[in-house]
Amino acid sequence: MEIVVRVEGLRKSFGKVEVLRGVDLEVREGEVFGIVGPNGAGKTTLLRVVAGLVRPSAGRVFVLGRRVPDEVEAIRGSISYLPEESNLYGRLTGYENLEFFARIYSRGREVGEVVKLGATLSGLSDEELSRRVETYSKGMVRRVALAATLMVRPRLAILDEPTAGLDVVSARYIREVIRRFARELGTTILMSSHNMFEVGKVCDRVALINSGVIVAQGTVEEVLSLSGAEDLEEAFAKLVLRSPRQPCRQVDSSKHR
C-alpha cells in the first residue's frame, strides 16, 4: 500500500520555542489517520508542515512522493486543507462559496458537478445554501467548509479539528461524511482532534502527541494494548499525561505487529 505522507525526524521551532521535536510517522493510502493531543501539543503545526504551509526547521516531509514544502506546487492540486477556523466568506452564500473554491481547485472537472457534490456533502438544503454564510450557525459553516475541502476529490485531505466546538448532531454528521468519503472514494484523510470518542469512531490509525513528541501510534486497538487501557482517554492519560519529570517513552506500535 502506498505511503501518502512520510515524516522523518521533523522539528519545528518558532524563535526559541521548539513546537515539534523529532516527529516520525507514515500515513497510508485510503486511511483516516488521527493526530491526538492537548492544546499546544503541536497538532496544527504538524498539519501545516505536511500541507506545505510552514517550513520545517529540521527533518524531512514527503507527500505523494514529493518533498514539501520545496516541491509542494507539483502536488498542490492533490491536497486539500481545512483549517480550524473558517475559511469561508461570510457575505457570500453557501453556493457561492462552493463555486468559488470549485473554480480554484476543481482541476479541470466541470465546476457545476463539483458544486453539486459539495452541496450534497454539506447536507444543507437548497434554501440554506442560498443564504449568506454570515447567517449560518457554526455547525452549518463547518459543514460547508468540509464540503468545499472534499468536493474537489483530493488524494489527501488535511483536516484540523473538523468538529471542534460543534453540537452533537453536526459533529456526528461530519464524522460520517469523513468516514464515508474515505471508504467510498479512497481519499486519504489526515486529521487532528482532541476528541477521543471521535478518533475511536473515525480513524483507522492514530498518533498520540504531547509537547511535540509522538508517544504512541498504531490502530486504536494497538494503542489500547500498548497502554493497557480500556479506552483512548485512559490510554492518553497513561501515555501522555505524565509528570513533567518523567518524559514519555516513545512507542511505535508498528514494531509489535
C-alpha atoms as a PDB file:
ATOM      1  CA  MET A   1       0.000   0.000   0.000  1.00  0.00           C
ATOM      2  CA  GLU A   2       1.332   3.427  -0.984  1.00  0.00           C
ATOM      3  CA  ILE A   3       2.654   5.737   1.719  1.00  0.00           C
ATOM      4  CA  VAL A   4       0.941   9.089   1.091  1.00  0.00           C
ATOM      5  CA  VAL A   5       2.651  11.009   3.912  1.00  0.00           C
ATOM      6  CA  ARG A   6       6.084  10.230   5.336  1.00  0.00           C
ATOM      7  CA  VAL A   7       7.504  12.375   8.148  1.00  0.00           C
ATOM      8  CA  GLU A   8      11.092  11.765   9.274  1.00  0.00           C
ATOM      9  CA  GLY A   9      12.716  13.449  12.259  1.00  0.00           C
ATOM     10  CA  LEU A  10      10.552  16.539  11.904  1.00  0.00           C
ATOM     11  CA  ARG A  11      11.446  19.503  14.092  1.00  0.00           C
ATOM     12  CA  LYS A  12       9.887  22.947  14.077  1.00  0.00           C
ATOM     13  CA  SER A  13      10.800  25.928  16.205  1.00  0.00           C
ATOM     14  CA  PHE A  14       9.320  29.388  16.410  1.00  0.00           C
ATOM     15  CA  GLY A  15      12.091  31.514  17.854  1.00  0.00           C
ATOM     16  CA  LYS A  16      13.318  29.720  20.969  1.00  0.00           C
ATOM     17  CA  VAL A  17      10.168  27.623  21.298  1.00  0.00           C
ATOM     18  CA  GLU A  18      10.501  24.117  19.850  1.00  0.00           C
ATOM     19  CA  VAL A  19       6.994  23.002  18.873  1.00  0.00           C
ATOM     20  CA  LEU A  20       7.825  19.697  17.144  1.00  0.00           C
ATOM     21  CA  ARG A  21      10.681  17.537  18.436  1.00  0.00           C
ATOM     22  CA  GLY A  22      11.657  14.696  16.134  1.00  0.00           C
ATOM     23  CA  VAL A  23       8.295  13.525  14.789  1.00  0.00           C
ATOM     24  CA  ASP A  24       8.191  10.330  12.709  1.00  0.00           C
ATOM     25  CA  LEU A  25       5.013   8.939  11.126  1.00  0.00           C
ATOM     26  CA  GLU A  26       3.562   7.411   7.991  1.00  0.00           C
ATOM     27  CA  VAL A  27       0.056   7.769   6.579  1.00  0.00           C
ATOM     28  CA  ARG A  28      -1.105   5.111   4.146  1.00  0.00           C
ATOM     29  CA  GLU A  29      -3.286   5.479   1.091  1.00  0.00           C
ATOM     30  CA  GLY A  30      -7.024   5.468   1.784  1.00  0.00           C
ATOM     31  CA  GLU A  31      -6.833   5.538   5.574  1.00  0.00           C
ATOM     32  CA  VAL A  32      -8.107   8.040   8.110  1.00  0.00           C
ATOM     33  CA  PHE A  33      -5.165   8.915  10.366  1.00  0.00           C
ATOM     34  CA  GLY A  34      -5.756  10.929  13.533  1.00  0.00           C
ATOM     35  CA  ILE A  35      -3.307  13.172  15.398  1.00  0.00           C
ATOM     36  CA  VAL A  36      -4.497  13.349  19.016  1.00  0.00           C
ATOM     37  CA  GLY A  37      -3.195  15.626  21.725  1.00  0.00           C
ATOM     38  CA  PRO A  38      -3.942  18.529  24.066  1.00  0.00           C
ATOM     39  CA  ASN A  39      -3.912  22.185  23.078  1.00  0.00           C
ATOM     40  CA  GLY A  40      -0.373  23.302  22.366  1.00  0.00           C
ATOM     41  CA  ALA A  41       0.866  19.767  21.653  1.00  0.00           C
ATOM     42  CA  GLY A  42       1.897  20.648  18.093  1.00  0.00           C
ATOM     43  CA  LYS A  43      -1.037  19.186  16.123  1.00  0.00           C
ATOM     44  CA  THR A  44      -1.790  22.246  13.992  1.00  0.00           C
ATOM     45  CA  THR A  45       1.875  22.939  13.301  1.00  0.00           C
ATOM     46  CA  LEU A  46       2.365  19.335  12.172  1.00  0.00           C
ATOM     47  CA  LEU A  47      -0.592  19.547   9.788  1.00  0.00           C
ATOM     48  CA  ARG A  48       0.546  22.884   8.388  1.00  0.00           C
ATOM     49  CA  VAL A  49       4.023  21.500   7.718  1.00  0.00           C
ATOM     50  CA  VAL A  50       2.540  18.497   5.892  1.00  0.00           C
ATOM     51  CA  ALA A  51       0.333  20.854   3.873  1.00  0.00           C
ATOM     52  CA  GLY A  52       3.409  22.811   2.789  1.00  0.00           C
ATOM     53  CA  LEU A  53       2.282  25.975   4.582  1.00  0.00           C
ATOM     54  CA  VAL A  54       5.076  26.004   7.164  1.00  0.00           C
ATOM     55  CA  ARG A  55       8.737  25.200   6.531  1.00  0.00           C
ATOM     56  CA  PRO A  56      10.284  22.673   8.956  1.00  0.00           C
ATOM     57  CA  SER A  57      13.341  23.588  10.980  1.00  0.00           C
ATOM     58  CA  ALA A  58      14.820  20.107  10.513  1.00  0.00           C
ATOM     59  CA  GLY A  59      13.824  16.683   9.241  1.00  0.00           C
ATOM     60  CA  ARG A  60      12.091  15.617   6.033  1.00  0.00           C
ATOM     61  CA  VAL A  61       8.448  15.504   4.938  1.00  0.00           C
ATOM     62  CA  PHE A  62       7.221  13.727   1.791  1.00  0.00           C
ATOM     63  CA  VAL A  63       3.662  13.922   0.453  1.00  0.00           C
ATOM     64  CA  LEU A  64       2.687  11.782  -2.542  1.00  0.00           C
ATOM     65  CA  GLY A  65       6.374  11.169  -3.149  1.00  0.00           C
ATOM     66  CA  ARG A  66       7.281  14.864  -3.233  1.00  0.00           C
ATOM     67  CA  ARG A  67       9.304  16.655  -0.594  1.00  0.00           C
ATOM     68  CA  VAL A  68       7.468  19.558   0.982  1.00  0.00           C
ATOM     69  CA  PRO A  69       7.495  22.450   1.020  1.00  0.00           C
ATOM     70  CA  ASP A  70      10.099  22.599  -1.791  1.00  0.00           C
ATOM     71  CA  GLU A  71       8.069  20.504  -4.268  1.00  0.00           C
ATOM     72  CA  VAL A  72       4.600  21.253  -2.958  1.00  0.00           C
ATOM     73  CA  GLU A  73       3.490  23.095  -6.105  1.00  0.00           C
ATOM     74  CA  ALA A  74       3.745  19.829  -8.048  1.00  0.00           C
ATOM     75  CA  ILE A  75       1.073  18.253  -5.812  1.00  0.00           C
ATOM     76  CA  ARG A  76      -0.914  21.331  -4.748  1.00  0.00           C
ATOM     77  CA  GLY A  77      -3.925  20.215  -6.769  1.00  0.00           C
ATOM     78  CA  SER A  78      -3.949  16.848  -4.986  1.00  0.00           C
ATOM     79  CA  ILE A  79      -4.111  18.259  -1.444  1.00  0.00           C
ATOM     80  CA  SER A  80      -6.940  19.998   0.378  1.00  0.00           C
ATOM     81  CA  TYR A  81      -6.544  21.696   3.755  1.00  0.00           C
ATOM     82  CA  LEU A  82      -9.304  22.558   6.223  1.00  0.00           C
ATOM     83  CA  PRO A  83      -8.080  24.999   8.906  1.00  0.00           C
ATOM     84  CA  GLU A  84      -9.601  25.003  12.374  1.00  0.00           C
ATOM     85  CA  GLU A  85     -11.002  28.489  11.822  1.00  0.00           C
ATOM     86  CA  SER A  86     -13.488  29.038   9.000  1.00  0.00           C
ATOM     87  CA  ASN A  87     -12.047  29.937   5.604  1.00  0.00           C
ATOM     88  CA  LEU A  88     -15.453  30.807   4.113  1.00  0.00           C
ATOM     89  CA  TYR A  89     -16.598  34.248   3.006  1.00  0.00           C
ATOM     90  CA  GLY A  90     -19.460  35.479   5.157  1.00  0.00           C
ATOM     91  CA  ARG A  91     -21.013  37.820   2.610  1.00  0.00           C
ATOM     92  CA  LEU A  92     -21.248  35.048   0.015  1.00  0.00           C
ATOM     93  CA  THR A  93     -23.920  32.376   0.070  1.00  0.00           C
ATOM     94  CA  GLY A  94     -23.116  28.737   0.704  1.00  0.00           C
ATOM     95  CA  TYR A  95     -23.444  28.018  -3.013  1.00  0.00           C
ATOM     96  CA  GLU A  96     -21.233  30.981  -3.924  1.00  0.00           C
ATOM     97  CA  ASN A  97     -18.544  29.772  -1.523  1.00  0.00           C
ATOM     98  CA  LEU A  98     -18.660  26.287  -3.028  1.00  0.00           C
ATOM     99  CA  GLU A  99     -18.443  27.700  -6.541  1.00  0.00           C
ATOM    100  CA  PHE A 100     -15.535  29.975  -5.576  1.00  0.00           C
ATOM    101  CA  PHE A 101     -13.463  27.070  -4.249  1.00  0.00           C
ATOM    102  CA  ALA A 102     -14.548  24.781  -7.092  1.00  0.00           C
ATOM    103  CA  ARG A 103     -13.240  27.232  -9.699  1.00  0.00           C
ATOM    104  CA  ILE A 104      -9.865  27.349  -7.942  1.00  0.00           C
ATOM    105  CA  TYR A 105      -9.356  23.673  -7.094  1.00  0.00           C
ATOM    106  CA  SER A 106     -11.550  21.603  -9.426  1.00  0.00           C
ATOM    107  CA  ARG A 107      -8.536  20.644 -11.598  1.00  0.00           C
ATOM    108  CA  GLY A 108     -10.399  20.660 -14.907  1.00  0.00           C
ATOM    109  CA  ARG A 109     -13.581  18.986 -13.696  1.00  0.00           C
ATOM    110  CA  GLU A 110     -16.871  20.654 -14.567  1.00  0.00           C
ATOM    111  CA  VAL A 111     -17.489  23.300 -11.896  1.00  0.00           C
ATOM    112  CA  GLY A 112     -21.220  22.632 -11.739  1.00  0.00           C
ATOM    113  CA  GLU A 113     -20.659  18.949 -10.964  1.00  0.00           C
ATOM    114  CA  VAL A 114     -18.109  19.800  -8.270  1.00  0.00           C
ATOM    115  CA  VAL A 115     -20.524  22.259  -6.649  1.00  0.00           C
ATOM    116  CA  LYS A 116     -23.303  19.677  -6.835  1.00  0.00           C
ATOM    117  CA  LEU A 117     -21.142  17.195  -4.941  1.00  0.00           C
ATOM    118  CA  GLY A 118     -20.253  19.898  -2.411  1.00  0.00           C
ATOM    119  CA  ALA A 119     -23.925  20.695  -1.834  1.00  0.00           C
ATOM    120  CA  THR A 120     -24.654  17.002  -1.265  1.00  0.00           C
ATOM    121  CA  LEU A 121     -21.731  16.619   1.137  1.00  0.00           C
ATOM    122  CA  SER A 122     -22.854  19.631   3.162  1.00  0.00           C
ATOM    123  CA  GLY A 123     -26.207  18.055   3.927  1.00  0.00           C
ATOM    124  CA  LEU A 124     -27.832  21.505   3.773  1.00  0.00           C
ATOM    125  CA  SER A 125     -30.985  22.331   1.874  1.00  0.00           C
ATOM    126  CA  ASP A 126     -31.138  24.432  -1.278  1.00  0.00           C
ATOM    127  CA  GLU A 127     -32.707  27.210   0.774  1.00  0.00           C
ATOM    128  CA  GLU A 128     -29.931  27.099   3.373  1.00  0.00           C
ATOM    129  CA  LEU A 129     -27.174  27.082   0.752  1.00  0.00           C
ATOM    130  CA  SER A 130     -28.796  30.117  -0.893  1.00  0.00           C
ATOM    131  CA  ARG A 131     -28.339  32.180   2.273  1.00  0.00           C
ATOM    132  CA  ARG A 132     -25.254  34.205   3.178  1.00  0.00           C
ATOM    133  CA  VAL A 133     -22.759  32.297   5.297  1.00  0.00           C
ATOM    134  CA  GLU A 134     -22.748  35.116   7.867  1.00  0.00           C
ATOM    135  CA  THR A 135     -26.262  33.974   8.852  1.00  0.00           C
ATOM    136  CA  TYR A 136     -25.154  30.359   9.471  1.00  0.00           C
ATOM    137  CA  SER A 137     -24.679  28.552  12.747  1.00  0.00           C
ATOM    138  CA  LYS A 138     -21.174  27.277  13.492  1.00  0.00           C
ATOM    139  CA  GLY A 139     -22.242  23.765  12.539  1.00  0.00           C
ATOM    140  CA  MET A 140     -23.543  24.904   9.149  1.00  0.00           C
ATOM    141  CA  VAL A 141     -20.334  26.832   8.464  1.00  0.00           C
ATOM    142  CA  ARG A 142     -18.274  23.754   9.265  1.00  0.00           C
ATOM    143  CA  ARG A 143     -20.401  21.563   7.013  1.00  0.00           C
ATOM    144  CA  VAL A 144     -19.888  23.854   4.023  1.00  0.00           C
ATOM    145  CA  ALA A 145     -16.179  24.261   4.774  1.00  0.00           C
ATOM    146  CA  LEU A 146     -15.695  20.481   4.926  1.00  0.00           C
ATOM    147  CA  ALA A 147     -17.739  20.058   1.750  1.00  0.00           C
ATOM    148  CA  ALA A 148     -15.539  22.615  -0.042  1.00  0.00           C
ATOM    149  CA  THR A 149     -12.457  20.691   1.117  1.00  0.00           C
ATOM    150  CA  LEU A 150     -13.663  17.276  -0.048  1.00  0.00           C
ATOM    151  CA  MET A 151     -15.736  18.073  -3.153  1.00  0.00           C
ATOM    152  CA  VAL A 152     -12.620  18.515  -5.306  1.00  0.00           C
ATOM    153  CA  ARG A 153     -11.748  14.883  -4.536  1.00  0.00           C
ATOM    154  CA  PRO A 154      -8.189  15.401  -3.277  1.00  0.00           C
ATOM    155  CA  ARG A 155      -5.856  12.459  -2.869  1.00  0.00           C
ATOM    156  CA  LEU A 156      -5.014  13.828   0.585  1.00  0.00           C
ATOM    157  CA  ALA A 157      -7.362  15.874   2.772  1.00  0.00           C
ATOM    158  CA  ILE A 158      -5.828  17.521   5.841  1.00  0.00           C
ATOM    159  CA  LEU A 159      -8.432  18.445   8.465  1.00  0.00           C
ATOM    160  CA  ASP A 160      -7.586  20.489  11.555  1.00  0.00           C
ATOM    161  CA  GLU A 161     -10.080  19.806  14.380  1.00  0.00           C
ATOM    162  CA  PRO A 162     -13.002  19.298  11.961  1.00  0.00           C
ATOM    163  CA  THR A 163     -15.660  19.066  14.712  1.00  0.00           C
ATOM    164  CA  ALA A 164     -14.245  21.444  17.341  1.00  0.00           C
ATOM    165  CA  GLY A 165     -16.973  23.371  19.156  1.00  0.00           C
ATOM    166  CA  LEU A 166     -19.851  21.779  17.268  1.00  0.00           C
ATOM    167  CA  ASP A 167     -23.104  20.422  18.637  1.00  0.00           C
ATOM    168  CA  VAL A 168     -23.616  16.663  18.784  1.00  0.00           C
ATOM    169  CA  VAL A 169     -25.719  16.475  15.598  1.00  0.00           C
ATOM    170  CA  SER A 170     -23.285  18.496  13.449  1.00  0.00           C
ATOM    171  CA  ALA A 171     -20.247  16.662  14.839  1.00  0.00           C
ATOM    172  CA  ARG A 172     -21.814  13.284  14.131  1.00  0.00           C
ATOM    173  CA  TYR A 173     -22.729  14.307  10.586  1.00  0.00           C
ATOM    174  CA  ILE A 174     -19.182  15.485   9.855  1.00  0.00           C
ATOM    175  CA  ARG A 175     -17.694  12.262  11.234  1.00  0.00           C
ATOM    176  CA  GLU A 176     -19.985  10.241   8.977  1.00  0.00           C
ATOM    177  CA  VAL A 177     -19.004  12.287   5.909  1.00  0.00           C
ATOM    178  CA  ILE A 178     -15.288  11.855   6.633  1.00  0.00           C
ATOM    179  CA  ARG A 179     -15.598   8.108   7.127  1.00  0.00           C
ATOM    180  CA  ARG A 180     -17.825   7.590   4.077  1.00  0.00           C
ATOM    181  CA  PHE A 181     -15.679   9.763   1.818  1.00  0.00           C
ATOM    182  CA  ALA A 182     -12.506   7.879   2.704  1.00  0.00           C
ATOM    183  CA  ARG A 183     -14.204   4.493   2.308  1.00  0.00           C
ATOM    184  CA  GLU A 184     -16.056   5.136  -0.954  1.00  0.00           C
ATOM    185  CA  LEU A 185     -13.579   7.343  -2.831  1.00  0.00           C
ATOM    186  CA  GLY A 186     -10.282   6.210  -1.314  1.00  0.00           C
ATOM    187  CA  THR A 187      -9.251   9.699  -0.216  1.00  0.00           C
ATOM    188  CA  THR A 188      -6.537   9.679   2.433  1.00  0.00           C
ATOM    189  CA  ILE A 189      -7.506  11.737   5.490  1.00  0.00           C
ATOM    190  CA  LEU A 190      -5.029  13.214   7.974  1.00  0.00           C
ATOM    191  CA  MET A 191      -6.911  14.923  10.794  1.00  0.00           C
ATOM    192  CA  SER A 192      -6.266  16.338  14.233  1.00  0.00           C
ATOM    193  CA  SER A 193      -8.618  16.095  17.188  1.00  0.00           C
ATOM    194  CA  HIS A 194      -8.713  16.235  20.961  1.00  0.00           C
ATOM    195  CA  ASN A 195     -11.974  14.262  20.997  1.00  0.00           C
ATOM    196  CA  MET A 196     -11.118  10.676  21.987  1.00  0.00           C
ATOM    197  CA  PHE A 197     -14.587   9.365  21.128  1.00  0.00           C
ATOM    198  CA  GLU A 198     -14.351  10.890  17.666  1.00  0.00           C
ATOM    199  CA  VAL A 199     -10.948   9.406  16.971  1.00  0.00           C
ATOM    200  CA  GLY A 200     -12.087   5.961  18.078  1.00  0.00           C
ATOM    201  CA  LYS A 201     -15.091   6.115  15.743  1.00  0.00           C
ATOM    202  CA  VAL A 202     -13.460   7.627  12.656  1.00  0.00           C
ATOM    203  CA  CYS A 203      -9.761   6.813  12.467  1.00  0.00           C
ATOM    204  CA  ASP A 204      -8.054   3.674  11.175  1.00  0.00           C
ATOM    205  CA  ARG A 205      -4.836   4.613  12.967  1.00  0.00           C
ATOM    206  CA  VAL A 206      -3.871   7.292  15.461  1.00  0.00           C
ATOM    207  CA  ALA A 207      -0.801   9.035  16.842  1.00  0.00           C
ATOM    208  CA  LEU A 208      -0.778  10.492  20.344  1.00  0.00           C
ATOM    209  CA  ILE A 209       1.293  13.668  20.555  1.00  0.00           C
ATOM    210  CA  ASN A 210       2.454  15.610  23.601  1.00  0.00           C
ATOM    211  CA  SER A 211       4.837  18.561  23.733  1.00  0.00           C
ATOM    212  CA  GLY A 212       5.832  17.998  20.118  1.00  0.00           C
ATOM    213  CA  VAL A 213       6.675  14.298  20.540  1.00  0.00           C
ATOM    214  CA  ILE A 214       4.749  11.283  19.211  1.00  0.00           C
ATOM    215  CA  VAL A 215       4.402   8.957  22.206  1.00  0.00           C
ATOM    216  CA  ALA A 216       2.341   6.185  20.571  1.00  0.00           C
ATOM    217  CA  GLN A 217       0.923   5.340  17.185  1.00  0.00           C
ATOM    218  CA  GLY A 218      -0.976   2.498  15.584  1.00  0.00           C
ATOM    219  CA  THR A 219      -4.555   1.290  15.344  1.00  0.00           C
ATOM    220  CA  VAL A 220      -6.822   2.167  18.245  1.00  0.00           C
ATOM    221  CA  GLU A 221      -6.655  -1.462  19.375  1.00  0.00           C
ATOM    222  CA  GLU A 222      -2.848  -1.459  19.259  1.00  0.00           C
ATOM    223  CA  VAL A 223      -2.601   1.752  21.290  1.00  0.00           C
ATOM    224  CA  LEU A 224      -5.010   0.342  23.880  1.00  0.00           C
ATOM    225  CA  SER A 225      -2.987  -2.853  24.056  1.00  0.00           C
ATOM    226  CA  LEU A 226       0.306  -0.996  24.448  1.00  0.00           C
ATOM    227  CA  SER A 227      -1.054   1.170  27.245  1.00  0.00           C
ATOM    228  CA  GLY A 228      -3.122  -1.493  28.967  1.00  0.00           C
ATOM    229  CA  ALA A 229      -6.115   0.843  28.787  1.00  0.00           C
ATOM    230  CA  GLU A 230      -9.800   0.186  28.153  1.00  0.00           C
ATOM    231  CA  ASP A 231     -10.407   3.282  26.040  1.00  0.00           C
ATOM    232  CA  LEU A 232      -8.422   6.025  24.286  1.00  0.00           C
ATOM    233  CA  GLU A 233      -8.996   8.543  27.045  1.00  0.00           C
ATOM    234  CA  GLU A 234      -7.374   6.213  29.571  1.00  0.00           C
ATOM    235  CA  ALA A 235      -4.584   5.392  27.105  1.00  0.00           C
ATOM    236  CA  PHE A 236      -3.977   9.093  26.597  1.00  0.00           C
ATOM    237  CA  ALA A 237      -3.747   9.609  30.348  1.00  0.00           C
ATOM    238  CA  LYS A 238      -1.309   6.733  30.791  1.00  0.00           C
ATOM    239  CA  LEU A 239       0.946   7.543  27.841  1.00  0.00           C
ATOM    240  CA  VAL A 240       0.771  11.320  27.687  1.00  0.00           C
ATOM    241  CA  LEU A 241      -0.328  12.915  30.939  1.00  0.00           C
ATOM    242  CA  ARG A 242       2.737  12.121  32.992  1.00  0.00           C
ATOM    243  CA  SER A 243       4.791  14.028  35.482  1.00  0.00           C
ATOM    244  CA  PRO A 244       6.968  16.668  33.756  1.00  0.00           C
ATOM    245  CA  ARG A 245       9.958  14.994  35.390  1.00  0.00           C
ATOM    246  CA  GLN A 246       9.141  11.699  33.715  1.00  0.00           C
ATOM    247  CA  PRO A 247       9.257  12.161  29.927  1.00  0.00           C
ATOM    248  CA  CYS A 248       7.032   9.857  27.918  1.00  0.00           C
ATOM    249  CA  ARG A 249       8.628   6.779  26.389  1.00  0.00           C
ATOM    250  CA  GLN A 250       8.468   6.747  22.589  1.00  0.00           C
ATOM    251  CA  VAL A 251       6.275   3.850  21.487  1.00  0.00           C
ATOM    252  CA  ASP A 252       5.643   2.795  17.881  1.00  0.00           C
ATOM    253  CA  SER A 253       3.114   0.000  17.626  1.00  0.00           C
ATOM    254  CA  SER A 254       4.311  -0.962  14.133  1.00  0.00           C
ATOM    255  CA  LYS A 255       7.185  -2.746  15.884  1.00  0.00           C
ATOM    256  CA  HIS A 256       4.720  -5.029  17.627  1.00  0.00           C
ATOM    257  CA  ARG A 257       2.961  -6.383  14.531  1.00  0.00           C
END
